[in-house]
Amino acid sequence: MGQGSDNQCQQPHGSTLTLPSNRDLLKAKFQMGTNRLMRVYLDEFEALLDEHDEAMSKLHEALPEQYKSYVSLADYVTEEKVAVMRANVLRAGNDMIRDVSDLIDLLERHTS
């Protein structure tokens, strides 16, 4: 395979493949890493919620009937709180991706 310009590669069958710029590769790599990190946070959060639900269930089963209603009073985790926490993780990750992308663009303009 022959080389054309810095970001083009000649294919054996005659077509030209345009390669992404280093800037685009860096942005894509950072976005993939940030997405993996957000996925880990969300997976860990889900595991914690599962443990919480299991603990609440065990507590409910262990208590005498007259105290079982107190379990729901003690359970502070609501669907609304879970949705807000998930949204905060995703928003923080997306903000970081945007900020780093802007920084990469700025650095490229000042170093070109």
C-alpha atoms as a PDB file:
ATOM      1  CA  MET A   1       0.000   0.000   0.000  1.00  0.00           C
ATOM      2  CA  GLY A   2       1.428   3.331  -1.027  1.00  0.00           C
ATOM      3  CA  GLN A   3       1.054   6.551   0.877  1.00  0.00           C
ATOM      4  CA  GLY A   4      -0.558   9.704  -0.495  1.00  0.00           C
ATOM      5  CA  SER A   5      -0.703  12.767   1.722  1.00  0.00           C
ATOM      6  CA  ASP A   6      -0.232  12.472   5.493  1.00  0.00           C
ATOM      7  CA  ASN A   7      -3.795  11.325   6.058  1.00  0.00           C
ATOM      8  CA  GLN A   8      -4.415   9.286   2.898  1.00  0.00           C
ATOM      9  CA  CYS A   9      -3.508   5.708   2.164  1.00  0.00           C
ATOM     10  CA  GLN A  10      -3.563   4.146  -1.314  1.00  0.00           C
ATOM     11  CA  GLN A  11      -5.364   0.794  -1.324  1.00  0.00           C
ATOM     12  CA  PRO A  12      -4.130  -2.147  -3.449  1.00  0.00           C
ATOM     13  CA  HIS A  13      -7.235  -1.983  -5.646  1.00  0.00           C
ATOM     14  CA  GLY A  14      -6.618   1.696  -6.464  1.00  0.00           C
ATOM     15  CA  SER A  15      -8.999   3.485  -4.110  1.00  0.00           C
ATOM     16  CA  THR A  16      -7.789   5.977  -1.532  1.00  0.00           C
ATOM     17  CA  LEU A  17      -8.567   5.663   2.144  1.00  0.00           C
ATOM     18  CA  THR A  18      -8.578   8.910   4.125  1.00  0.00           C
ATOM     19  CA  LEU A  19      -7.254   8.356   7.623  1.00  0.00           C
ATOM     20  CA  PRO A  20      -8.540  10.381  10.569  1.00  0.00           C
ATOM     21  CA  SER A  21      -6.332  13.157  11.908  1.00  0.00           C
ATOM     22  CA  ASN A  22      -4.379  12.715  15.133  1.00  0.00           C
ATOM     23  CA  ARG A  23      -6.797  15.194  16.713  1.00  0.00           C
ATOM     24  CA  ASP A  24      -9.807  13.070  15.716  1.00  0.00           C
ATOM     25  CA  LEU A  25      -8.089   9.886  16.897  1.00  0.00           C
ATOM     26  CA  LEU A  26      -7.279  11.478  20.263  1.00  0.00           C
ATOM     27  CA  LYS A  27     -10.862  12.700  20.672  1.00  0.00           C
ATOM     28  CA  ALA A  28     -12.293   9.295  19.773  1.00  0.00           C
ATOM     29  CA  LYS A  29      -9.920   7.470  22.151  1.00  0.00           C
ATOM     30  CA  PHE A  30     -10.761   9.830  25.005  1.00  0.00           C
ATOM     31  CA  GLN A  31     -14.484   9.456  24.342  1.00  0.00           C
ATOM     32  CA  MET A  32     -14.227   5.650  24.328  1.00  0.00           C
ATOM     33  CA  GLY A  33     -12.287   5.693  27.604  1.00  0.00           C
ATOM     34  CA  THR A  34     -14.738   8.077  29.239  1.00  0.00           C
ATOM     35  CA  ASN A  35     -17.690   5.979  28.065  1.00  0.00           C
ATOM     36  CA  ARG A  36     -16.051   2.869  29.570  1.00  0.00           C
ATOM     37  CA  LEU A  37     -15.530   4.736  32.837  1.00  0.00           C
ATOM     38  CA  MET A  38     -19.176   5.873  32.932  1.00  0.00           C
ATOM     39  CA  ARG A  39     -20.281   2.288  32.215  1.00  0.00           C
ATOM     40  CA  VAL A  40     -18.193   1.031  35.162  1.00  0.00           C
ATOM     41  CA  TYR A  41     -19.695   3.670  37.465  1.00  0.00           C
ATOM     42  CA  LEU A  42     -23.220   2.796  36.348  1.00  0.00           C
ATOM     43  CA  ASP A  43     -22.589  -0.954  36.698  1.00  0.00           C
ATOM     44  CA  GLU A  44     -21.206  -0.467  40.214  1.00  0.00           C
ATOM     45  CA  PHE A  45     -24.168   1.737  41.066  1.00  0.00           C
ATOM     46  CA  GLU A  46     -26.549  -0.997  39.858  1.00  0.00           C
ATOM     47  CA  ALA A  47     -24.706  -3.584  41.965  1.00  0.00           C
ATOM     48  CA  LEU A  48     -25.012  -1.343  45.025  1.00  0.00           C
ATOM     49  CA  LEU A  49     -28.744  -0.888  44.380  1.00  0.00           C
ATOM     50  CA  ASP A  50     -29.176  -4.666  44.104  1.00  0.00           C
ATOM     51  CA  GLU A  51     -27.368  -5.141  47.436  1.00  0.00           C
ATOM     52  CA  HIS A  52     -29.531  -2.441  48.996  1.00  0.00           C
ATOM     53  CA  ASP A  53     -32.738  -4.092  47.751  1.00  0.00           C
ATOM     54  CA  GLU A  54     -31.564  -7.469  49.037  1.00  0.00           C
ATOM     55  CA  ALA A  55     -30.740  -5.992  52.468  1.00  0.00           C
ATOM     56  CA  MET A  56     -34.133  -4.287  52.666  1.00  0.00           C
ATOM     57  CA  SER A  57     -35.843  -7.533  51.733  1.00  0.00           C
ATOM     58  CA  LYS A  58     -33.904  -9.517  54.361  1.00  0.00           C
ATOM     59  CA  LEU A  59     -34.732  -6.909  56.985  1.00  0.00           C
ATOM     60  CA  HIS A  60     -38.409  -7.029  56.036  1.00  0.00           C
ATOM     61  CA  GLU A  61     -38.460 -10.817  56.329  1.00  0.00           C
ATOM     62  CA  ALA A  62     -36.601 -10.850  59.649  1.00  0.00           C
ATOM     63  CA  LEU A  63     -38.830  -8.380  61.459  1.00  0.00           C
ATOM     64  CA  PRO A  64     -42.001  -9.264  63.306  1.00  0.00           C
ATOM     65  CA  GLU A  65     -45.154  -8.332  61.388  1.00  0.00           C
ATOM     66  CA  GLN A  66     -45.889  -5.215  63.443  1.00  0.00           C
ATOM     67  CA  TYR A  67     -42.506  -3.666  62.452  1.00  0.00           C
ATOM     68  CA  LYS A  68     -42.434  -4.563  58.747  1.00  0.00           C
ATOM     69  CA  SER A  69     -43.983  -1.237  57.720  1.00  0.00           C
ATOM     70  CA  TYR A  70     -40.940   0.555  59.145  1.00  0.00           C
ATOM     71  CA  VAL A  71     -38.719  -1.000  56.464  1.00  0.00           C
ATOM     72  CA  SER A  72     -40.326   1.120  53.766  1.00  0.00           C
ATOM     73  CA  LEU A  73     -39.840   4.201  55.972  1.00  0.00           C
ATOM     74  CA  ALA A  74     -36.120   3.401  56.284  1.00  0.00           C
ATOM     75  CA  ASP A  75     -35.681   2.749  52.556  1.00  0.00           C
ATOM     76  CA  TYR A  76     -34.477   6.131  51.342  1.00  0.00           C
ATOM     77  CA  VAL A  77     -33.611   4.967  47.805  1.00  0.00           C
ATOM     78  CA  THR A  78     -36.349   6.038  45.394  1.00  0.00           C
ATOM     79  CA  GLU A  79     -36.634   5.673  41.631  1.00  0.00           C
ATOM     80  CA  GLU A  80     -36.388   9.453  41.350  1.00  0.00           C
ATOM     81  CA  LYS A  81     -33.092   9.534  43.290  1.00  0.00           C
ATOM     82  CA  VAL A  82     -31.719   6.690  41.177  1.00  0.00           C
ATOM     83  CA  ALA A  83     -32.667   8.480  37.950  1.00  0.00           C
ATOM     84  CA  VAL A  84     -31.016  11.714  39.136  1.00  0.00           C
ATOM     85  CA  MET A  85     -27.816   9.903  40.121  1.00  0.00           C
ATOM     86  CA  ARG A  86     -27.629   8.100  36.769  1.00  0.00           C
ATOM     87  CA  ALA A  87     -28.219  11.361  34.914  1.00  0.00           C
ATOM     88  CA  ASN A  88     -25.469  13.052  36.968  1.00  0.00           C
ATOM     89  CA  VAL A  89     -22.932  10.358  36.040  1.00  0.00           C
ATOM     90  CA  LEU A  90     -23.817  10.616  32.350  1.00  0.00           C
ATOM     91  CA  ARG A  91     -23.833  14.411  32.399  1.00  0.00           C
ATOM     92  CA  ALA A  92     -20.422  14.550  34.099  1.00  0.00           C
ATOM     93  CA  GLY A  93     -18.944  12.164  31.541  1.00  0.00           C
ATOM     94  CA  ASN A  94     -20.420  14.018  28.586  1.00  0.00           C
ATOM     95  CA  ASP A  95     -19.232  17.352  30.013  1.00  0.00           C
ATOM     96  CA  MET A  96     -15.716  15.928  30.351  1.00  0.00           C
ATOM     97  CA  ILE A  97     -15.750  14.652  26.762  1.00  0.00           C
ATOM     98  CA  ARG A  98     -16.859  18.086  25.530  1.00  0.00           C
ATOM     99  CA  ASP A  99     -14.284  19.928  27.651  1.00  0.00           C
ATOM    100  CA  VAL A 100     -11.383  17.766  26.498  1.00  0.00           C
ATOM    101  CA  SER A 101     -12.530  17.965  22.881  1.00  0.00           C
ATOM    102  CA  ASP A 102     -12.583  21.770  23.130  1.00  0.00           C
ATOM    103  CA  LEU A 103      -9.134  21.721  24.736  1.00  0.00           C
ATOM    104  CA  ILE A 104      -7.734  19.519  21.946  1.00  0.00           C
ATOM    105  CA  ASP A 105      -9.154  21.932  19.350  1.00  0.00           C
ATOM    106  CA  LEU A 106      -7.653  24.900  21.194  1.00  0.00           C
ATOM    107  CA  LEU A 107      -4.235  23.258  21.463  1.00  0.00           C
ATOM    108  CA  GLU A 108      -4.281  22.364  17.785  1.00  0.00           C
ATOM    109  CA  ARG A 109      -5.060  25.957  16.802  1.00  0.00           C
ATOM    110  CA  HIS A 110      -2.220  27.294  18.973  1.00  0.00           C
ATOM    111  CA  THR A 111       0.354  24.742  17.830  1.00  0.00           C
ATOM    112  CA  SER A 112      -0.394  24.844  14.112  1.00  0.00           C
END
